[in-house]
Amino acid sequence: AMRLLAGVLAAQNFDSVLIGDESLSQRPMNRIVGPLREMGARIETEEDGRPPLRISGTSGLHGMHYDSPIASAQVKSCLLLAGLYANGQTTVAEPLTSRDHTEKMLPAFGVDLVGNCGVAGGSQLRGTVIRVPSDISSAAFFMVAAAIVPGSDLLLKQVGINQTRDGIIHVLQAMQVDLVVENRRAFGQEEVADIRVRHSPAVQGTDIPETIVPSLIDELPVIFALAAVADGTTRLRGAAELRVKESDRLAVMAQGLANLGVALTEYDDGMDVVGGRVNGGTVDGAGDHRCAMSFCILGQVASGEVGVDGCENIDTSYPGFVKDLARLGGVIRSTAV
């Protein structure tokens, strides 16, 4: 939200300050501040480009073409939103295609795109009705749970399967998970489907192609959990972006898996996970919702109880996670006071 709002506020004639919590205050913002400044925005940050963002009012931005060094939907969307207010056209190119929800959404509000990823300044928005699919990032935890817990047969309905977000489906199928995508259909600007996953006793390790990493970046923590119980080694590279999420997700998942007896090798941009037996133990979710939920899923098949510290931020993306996991037969209890 901070990165997207910065694009809108950078074009206004009033001052703004965007402040985050402890986790957000560690997130790198230079990736949007740099190109916004090139468009004429006036933004100050803390050391190393960290929040708060202090945005000074401006008389106007100018459009630009930006070759993004990273595949980031947040960077792309920030600049497109700023470009709505700029003079001239604003276009963005990426090394790999990141999620494209903004490019799908803007035409629904009456904006004509320039090329595949661009807008013209002065575009007028109109109100419309938006249908929001079920989130595949949240569904991912139960896709993995159904694959690894004996006796499972789970149908997840109306899940968004946008082609820039469906990498986890391809990875799970490559790992020999019994997963079927059914009833594909249009849902507003997006495509949805029902996803059926059954217990898969012969899950295999796999090499995850770097080209699809942007399409499953948020699902990688739970994929690491699946890799921990798969036969063979799962290898990932090209995912350095995981180090600047709500936590350093590579480090948090590597340390947690190691605490549970999983053999692995951590790299600057990825990890090799050797599947096998998962022991009980205590892990630190580091206040990161996706890491914490991933360890909760892995705890369903560990040889002993898994205690997960730092779960308070699960509500960031999935307030009903604990109740839903218990309702589906998961063994989980909260010790929160």
Protein backbone atom coordinates (compact mmCIF):
# COMPACT_ATOMS: atom_id res chain seq x y z
CA ALA A 1 0.00 0.00 0.00
CA MET A 2 2.84 2.42 0.82
CA ARG A 3 4.49 1.91 -2.55
CA LEU A 4 1.25 2.31 -4.48
CA LEU A 5 0.06 5.31 -2.48
CA ALA A 6 3.42 6.98 -2.98
CA GLY A 7 2.75 7.02 -6.73
CA VAL A 8 -0.56 8.82 -6.25
CA LEU A 9 0.63 11.24 -3.55
CA ALA A 10 3.85 12.16 -5.39
CA ALA A 11 1.72 13.88 -8.03
CA GLN A 12 -0.38 16.02 -5.66
CA ASN A 13 0.11 19.65 -4.72
CA PHE A 14 0.06 18.98 -0.96
CA ASP A 15 2.59 17.44 1.41
CA SER A 16 2.27 13.86 2.71
CA VAL A 17 4.12 11.58 5.11
CA LEU A 18 3.79 7.79 4.84
CA ILE A 19 4.73 5.92 8.03
CA GLY A 20 4.95 2.15 8.54
CA ASP A 21 5.16 -0.30 11.42
CA GLU A 22 8.45 -1.86 12.51
CA SER A 23 8.51 -4.36 9.66
CA LEU A 24 7.49 -1.93 6.94
CA SER A 25 10.03 0.60 8.19
CA GLN A 26 12.78 -1.82 7.12
CA ARG A 27 11.52 -2.26 3.56
CA PRO A 28 13.53 -0.68 0.70
CA MET A 29 11.72 2.23 -0.92
CA ASN A 30 14.46 3.53 -3.23
CA ARG A 31 13.10 1.22 -5.92
CA ILE A 32 10.10 3.56 -6.23
CA VAL A 33 11.64 6.79 -4.92
CA GLY A 34 14.32 6.82 -7.66
CA PRO A 35 12.01 6.67 -10.67
CA LEU A 36 9.44 8.97 -9.02
CA ARG A 37 12.17 11.56 -8.57
CA GLU A 38 13.02 11.16 -12.26
CA MET A 39 9.39 12.07 -12.96
CA GLY A 40 9.80 15.25 -10.90
CA ALA A 41 8.57 14.08 -7.51
CA ARG A 42 10.10 15.47 -4.31
CA ILE A 43 10.53 12.68 -1.78
CA GLU A 44 12.81 12.28 1.22
CA THR A 45 13.47 9.02 3.06
CA GLU A 46 15.40 7.74 6.05
CA GLU A 47 18.89 6.27 5.62
CA ASP A 48 19.15 3.64 2.86
CA GLY A 49 15.78 4.66 1.44
CA ARG A 50 13.70 3.37 4.33
CA PRO A 51 10.35 4.82 5.44
CA PRO A 52 8.92 7.20 6.50
CA LEU A 53 8.45 8.77 3.07
CA ARG A 54 8.15 12.55 3.19
CA ILE A 55 6.51 13.72 -0.01
CA SER A 56 6.42 17.42 -0.85
CA GLY A 57 3.70 18.86 -3.04
CA THR A 58 4.57 19.44 -6.68
CA SER A 59 3.13 21.45 -9.52
CA GLY A 60 3.27 18.45 -11.81
CA LEU A 61 5.12 15.32 -12.90
CA HIS A 62 6.36 14.45 -16.37
CA GLY A 63 5.91 11.07 -17.97
CA MET A 64 8.84 8.77 -18.68
CA HIS A 65 9.82 5.31 -19.83
CA TYR A 66 11.31 3.24 -17.04
CA ASP A 67 13.33 0.08 -17.51
CA SER A 68 12.92 -1.58 -14.14
CA PRO A 69 15.95 -3.61 -13.01
CA ILE A 70 13.64 -5.95 -11.09
CA ALA A 71 10.32 -7.64 -11.77
CA SER A 72 8.08 -5.87 -9.27
CA ALA A 73 4.35 -5.29 -9.57
CA GLN A 74 4.58 -2.72 -6.78
CA VAL A 75 7.15 -0.63 -8.66
CA LYS A 76 5.23 -0.96 -11.90
CA SER A 77 1.89 -0.07 -10.32
CA CYS A 78 3.36 2.87 -8.42
CA LEU A 79 4.66 4.43 -11.64
CA LEU A 80 1.47 3.74 -13.59
CA LEU A 81 -0.61 5.45 -10.88
CA ALA A 82 1.78 8.41 -10.86
CA GLY A 83 1.60 8.47 -14.65
CA LEU A 84 -2.15 9.07 -14.54
CA TYR A 85 -1.35 12.56 -13.21
CA ALA A 86 1.79 13.25 -15.28
CA ASN A 87 2.29 15.22 -18.47
CA GLY A 88 2.82 12.82 -21.38
CA GLN A 89 3.03 9.05 -21.35
CA THR A 90 4.48 6.78 -18.68
CA THR A 91 5.57 3.27 -19.63
CA VAL A 92 7.35 0.52 -17.72
CA ALA A 93 9.41 -2.47 -18.89
CA GLU A 94 10.55 -5.37 -16.70
CA PRO A 95 13.15 -8.15 -17.06
CA LEU A 96 10.39 -10.69 -16.31
CA THR A 97 6.64 -10.21 -16.18
CA SER A 98 5.34 -9.50 -12.68
CA ARG A 99 1.70 -9.74 -11.63
CA ASP A 100 -0.53 -7.66 -13.86
CA HIS A 101 -3.59 -6.87 -11.75
CA THR A 102 -3.12 -3.11 -12.20
CA GLU A 103 -2.95 -3.41 -15.98
CA LYS A 104 -6.20 -5.38 -15.88
CA MET A 105 -7.87 -3.03 -13.41
CA LEU A 106 -7.13 0.33 -15.03
CA PRO A 107 -9.16 -0.35 -18.22
CA ALA A 108 -12.10 -1.33 -16.01
CA PHE A 109 -11.94 2.21 -14.63
CA GLY A 110 -11.89 3.69 -18.14
CA VAL A 111 -8.13 4.10 -18.68
CA ASP A 112 -6.75 3.21 -22.11
CA LEU A 113 -3.39 1.48 -21.71
CA VAL A 114 -0.42 2.63 -23.77
CA GLY A 115 1.11 -0.57 -25.15
CA ASN A 116 1.26 -3.47 -22.72
CA CYS A 117 2.23 -1.42 -19.69
CA GLY A 118 1.73 2.31 -19.93
CA VAL A 119 -0.72 5.15 -19.38
CA ALA A 120 -1.26 8.65 -20.71
CA GLY A 121 -1.34 11.54 -18.29
CA GLY A 122 -4.71 13.12 -17.71
CA SER A 123 -6.64 9.87 -18.07
CA GLN A 124 -10.04 10.15 -16.40
CA LEU A 125 -11.24 7.41 -14.07
CA ARG A 126 -14.86 6.34 -13.77
CA GLY A 127 -16.51 4.31 -11.05
CA THR A 128 -17.20 0.65 -11.70
CA VAL A 129 -18.04 -2.62 -10.00
CA ILE A 130 -15.09 -4.86 -9.12
CA ARG A 131 -15.23 -8.60 -8.45
CA VAL A 132 -12.30 -9.87 -6.37
CA PRO A 133 -11.30 -13.55 -6.77
CA SER A 134 -10.21 -15.71 -3.86
CA ASP A 135 -6.50 -15.17 -3.22
CA ILE A 136 -4.18 -17.88 -4.53
CA SER A 137 -1.51 -16.81 -2.01
CA SER A 138 -3.85 -17.70 0.84
CA ALA A 139 -5.09 -20.84 -0.92
CA ALA A 140 -1.48 -21.99 -1.28
CA PHE A 141 -1.19 -22.99 2.38
CA PHE A 142 -4.13 -25.37 2.09
CA MET A 143 -2.98 -26.68 -1.28
CA VAL A 144 0.25 -27.80 0.40
CA ALA A 145 -1.56 -29.04 3.52
CA ALA A 146 -3.87 -31.22 1.44
CA ALA A 147 -0.90 -32.62 -0.47
CA ILE A 148 1.03 -33.74 2.62
CA VAL A 149 -1.63 -34.74 5.18
CA PRO A 150 -2.83 -38.35 4.68
CA GLY A 151 -6.49 -38.73 3.75
CA SER A 152 -6.90 -35.17 2.48
CA ASP A 153 -9.23 -34.31 -0.41
CA LEU A 154 -9.77 -30.56 -0.64
CA LEU A 155 -11.67 -28.38 -3.11
CA LEU A 156 -10.75 -24.68 -3.11
CA LYS A 157 -13.39 -22.70 -4.98
CA GLN A 158 -13.19 -19.58 -7.11
CA VAL A 159 -9.42 -19.12 -6.77
CA GLY A 160 -7.80 -16.45 -8.92
CA ILE A 161 -5.53 -18.10 -11.51
CA ASN A 162 -4.14 -15.02 -13.22
CA GLN A 163 -1.26 -16.25 -15.41
CA THR A 164 1.16 -13.93 -13.62
CA ARG A 165 0.22 -15.52 -10.26
CA ASP A 166 -0.22 -19.23 -11.00
CA GLY A 167 3.38 -20.38 -10.60
CA ILE A 168 2.57 -22.45 -7.53
CA ILE A 169 0.17 -24.60 -9.55
CA HIS A 170 2.94 -25.47 -12.01
CA VAL A 171 5.49 -26.14 -9.26
CA LEU A 172 3.14 -28.39 -7.28
CA GLN A 173 2.28 -30.34 -10.41
CA ALA A 174 5.99 -30.68 -11.19
CA MET A 175 6.43 -32.07 -7.67
CA GLN A 176 3.84 -34.76 -8.47
CA VAL A 177 1.13 -33.30 -6.26
CA ASP A 178 -2.34 -34.64 -7.13
CA LEU A 179 -3.74 -31.27 -8.17
CA VAL A 180 -6.44 -30.60 -10.74
CA VAL A 181 -7.65 -27.21 -11.97
CA GLU A 182 -11.37 -27.37 -12.75
CA ASN A 183 -14.16 -25.11 -13.99
CA ARG A 184 -12.06 -22.26 -15.40
CA ARG A 185 -14.15 -19.16 -15.95
CA ALA A 186 -14.04 -15.38 -16.24
CA PHE A 187 -14.62 -13.38 -13.07
CA GLY A 188 -14.67 -9.65 -13.72
CA GLN A 189 -11.28 -8.70 -15.12
CA GLU A 190 -9.65 -11.91 -13.87
CA GLU A 191 -9.87 -15.67 -14.45
CA VAL A 192 -10.80 -18.05 -11.63
CA ALA A 193 -11.05 -21.81 -11.24
CA ASP A 194 -11.71 -24.46 -8.62
CA ILE A 195 -8.57 -26.27 -7.45
CA ARG A 196 -8.81 -29.82 -6.12
CA VAL A 197 -5.88 -31.27 -4.19
CA ARG A 198 -5.64 -34.78 -2.77
CA HIS A 199 -3.05 -36.33 -0.48
CA SER A 200 0.03 -37.08 -2.55
CA PRO A 201 2.31 -39.68 -0.90
CA ALA A 202 5.02 -39.50 -3.58
CA VAL A 203 5.83 -35.77 -3.71
CA GLN A 204 9.11 -35.22 -5.54
CA GLY A 205 11.72 -32.51 -5.27
CA THR A 206 12.14 -30.29 -8.31
CA ASP A 207 14.22 -27.49 -9.79
CA ILE A 208 12.15 -24.30 -9.81
CA PRO A 209 12.81 -22.26 -13.00
CA GLU A 210 13.98 -18.70 -12.35
CA THR A 211 11.61 -17.48 -15.05
CA ILE A 212 8.54 -18.26 -12.95
CA VAL A 213 9.83 -16.88 -9.64
CA PRO A 214 7.89 -13.56 -9.99
CA SER A 215 4.66 -15.56 -10.38
CA LEU A 216 5.10 -17.37 -7.05
CA ILE A 217 7.29 -15.07 -4.96
CA ASP A 218 4.77 -14.93 -2.09
CA GLU A 219 4.18 -18.68 -2.15
CA LEU A 220 7.84 -19.69 -1.86
CA PRO A 221 7.84 -20.06 1.95
CA VAL A 222 5.13 -22.73 1.84
CA ILE A 223 6.84 -24.36 -1.15
CA PHE A 224 9.93 -24.70 1.07
CA ALA A 225 7.69 -26.43 3.62
CA LEU A 226 6.51 -28.87 0.94
CA ALA A 227 10.09 -29.43 -0.19
CA ALA A 228 11.01 -30.45 3.36
CA VAL A 229 8.86 -33.59 3.08
CA ALA A 230 9.39 -34.34 -0.62
CA ASP A 231 11.61 -37.10 -1.98
CA GLY A 232 14.87 -35.63 -3.25
CA THR A 233 16.11 -32.07 -3.45
CA THR A 234 14.20 -28.93 -4.40
CA ARG A 235 16.39 -26.17 -5.80
CA LEU A 236 15.57 -22.46 -6.10
CA ARG A 237 17.62 -19.58 -7.49
CA GLY A 238 16.76 -16.04 -8.62
CA ALA A 239 14.72 -15.22 -5.52
CA ALA A 240 16.85 -12.57 -3.79
CA GLU A 241 13.66 -10.52 -3.50
CA LEU A 242 12.68 -12.81 -0.60
CA ARG A 243 15.31 -11.07 1.54
CA VAL A 244 13.42 -7.75 1.50
CA LYS A 245 9.89 -8.90 2.31
CA GLU A 246 8.25 -8.58 5.75
CA SER A 247 11.34 -10.45 6.90
CA ASP A 248 14.36 -11.98 5.22
CA ARG A 249 12.26 -14.95 4.19
CA LEU A 250 15.19 -16.98 2.92
CA ALA A 251 16.98 -16.68 6.25
CA VAL A 252 13.84 -17.20 8.36
CA MET A 253 12.74 -20.31 6.46
CA ALA A 254 16.28 -21.73 6.35
CA GLN A 255 16.77 -21.31 10.10
CA GLY A 256 13.33 -22.68 10.92
CA LEU A 257 13.70 -25.72 8.68
CA ALA A 258 17.15 -26.41 10.11
CA ASN A 259 15.65 -26.27 13.62
CA LEU A 260 13.27 -29.03 12.52
CA GLY A 261 16.09 -31.22 11.27
CA VAL A 262 15.73 -30.47 7.55
CA ALA A 263 18.95 -30.56 5.51
CA LEU A 264 19.41 -27.51 3.32
CA THR A 265 21.88 -25.09 1.80
CA GLU A 266 21.06 -21.38 1.79
CA TYR A 267 22.29 -19.13 -1.03
CA ASP A 268 22.16 -15.38 -1.61
CA ASP A 269 19.21 -15.81 -3.97
CA GLY A 270 17.73 -19.17 -3.08
CA MET A 271 17.95 -22.48 -1.30
CA ASP A 272 18.42 -26.20 -1.83
CA VAL A 273 16.09 -28.21 0.43
CA VAL A 274 16.66 -31.94 0.90
CA GLY A 275 13.36 -33.59 1.72
CA GLY A 276 12.85 -36.25 4.35
CA ARG A 277 11.85 -36.51 7.98
CA VAL A 278 10.71 -33.33 9.77
CA ASN A 279 11.24 -33.27 13.53
CA GLY A 280 9.34 -31.36 16.14
CA GLY A 281 10.85 -28.22 17.61
CA THR A 282 10.47 -24.49 17.98
CA VAL A 283 10.85 -22.03 15.12
CA ASP A 284 10.67 -18.27 14.83
CA GLY A 285 8.15 -16.89 12.35
CA ALA A 286 9.92 -13.52 12.74
CA GLY A 287 6.63 -11.66 12.69
CA ASP A 288 6.21 -12.64 9.02
CA HIS A 289 2.72 -13.93 8.24
CA ARG A 290 3.73 -16.17 5.34
CA CYS A 291 6.65 -17.81 7.14
CA ALA A 292 4.57 -18.37 10.28
CA MET A 293 1.71 -19.98 8.34
CA SER A 294 4.16 -22.15 6.39
CA PHE A 295 5.61 -23.56 9.61
CA CYS A 296 2.07 -24.18 10.91
CA ILE A 297 1.35 -26.27 7.81
CA LEU A 298 4.61 -28.20 8.15
CA GLY A 299 3.75 -28.88 11.79
CA GLN A 300 0.81 -31.00 10.62
CA VAL A 301 3.19 -33.75 9.48
CA ALA A 302 6.24 -33.27 11.74
CA SER A 303 7.23 -36.16 13.99
CA GLY A 304 6.68 -33.99 17.07
CA GLU A 305 4.98 -30.76 18.04
CA VAL A 306 6.14 -27.65 16.23
CA GLY A 307 5.98 -24.41 18.19
CA VAL A 308 5.88 -21.28 16.05
CA ASP A 309 6.84 -17.98 17.68
CA GLY A 310 6.14 -14.63 16.02
CA CYS A 311 2.68 -15.46 14.65
CA GLU A 312 0.97 -12.20 15.57
CA ASN A 313 1.14 -10.86 12.01
CA ILE A 314 -0.79 -13.73 10.44
CA ASP A 315 -3.77 -11.36 10.55
CA THR A 316 -1.92 -9.20 7.99
CA SER A 317 -3.22 -11.37 5.16
CA TYR A 318 -5.34 -14.17 6.64
CA PRO A 319 -7.21 -13.35 9.89
CA GLY A 320 -9.15 -16.63 9.78
CA PHE A 321 -6.19 -18.92 9.14
CA VAL A 322 -6.08 -20.69 12.52
CA LYS A 323 -9.84 -21.29 12.55
CA ASP A 324 -9.89 -22.49 8.94
CA LEU A 325 -6.99 -24.89 9.50
CA ALA A 326 -8.71 -26.33 12.58
CA ARG A 327 -12.06 -26.58 10.76
CA LEU A 328 -10.41 -28.65 8.03
CA GLY A 329 -8.96 -31.06 10.57
CA GLY A 330 -5.62 -29.44 11.24
CA VAL A 331 -4.14 -29.76 14.71
CA ILE A 332 -3.33 -26.24 15.85
CA ARG A 333 -3.77 -24.22 18.99
CA SER A 334 -2.98 -20.62 19.74
CA THR A 335 -1.20 -19.69 22.94
CA ALA A 336 -1.73 -15.96 22.44
CA VAL A 337 -2.81 -14.15 25.61
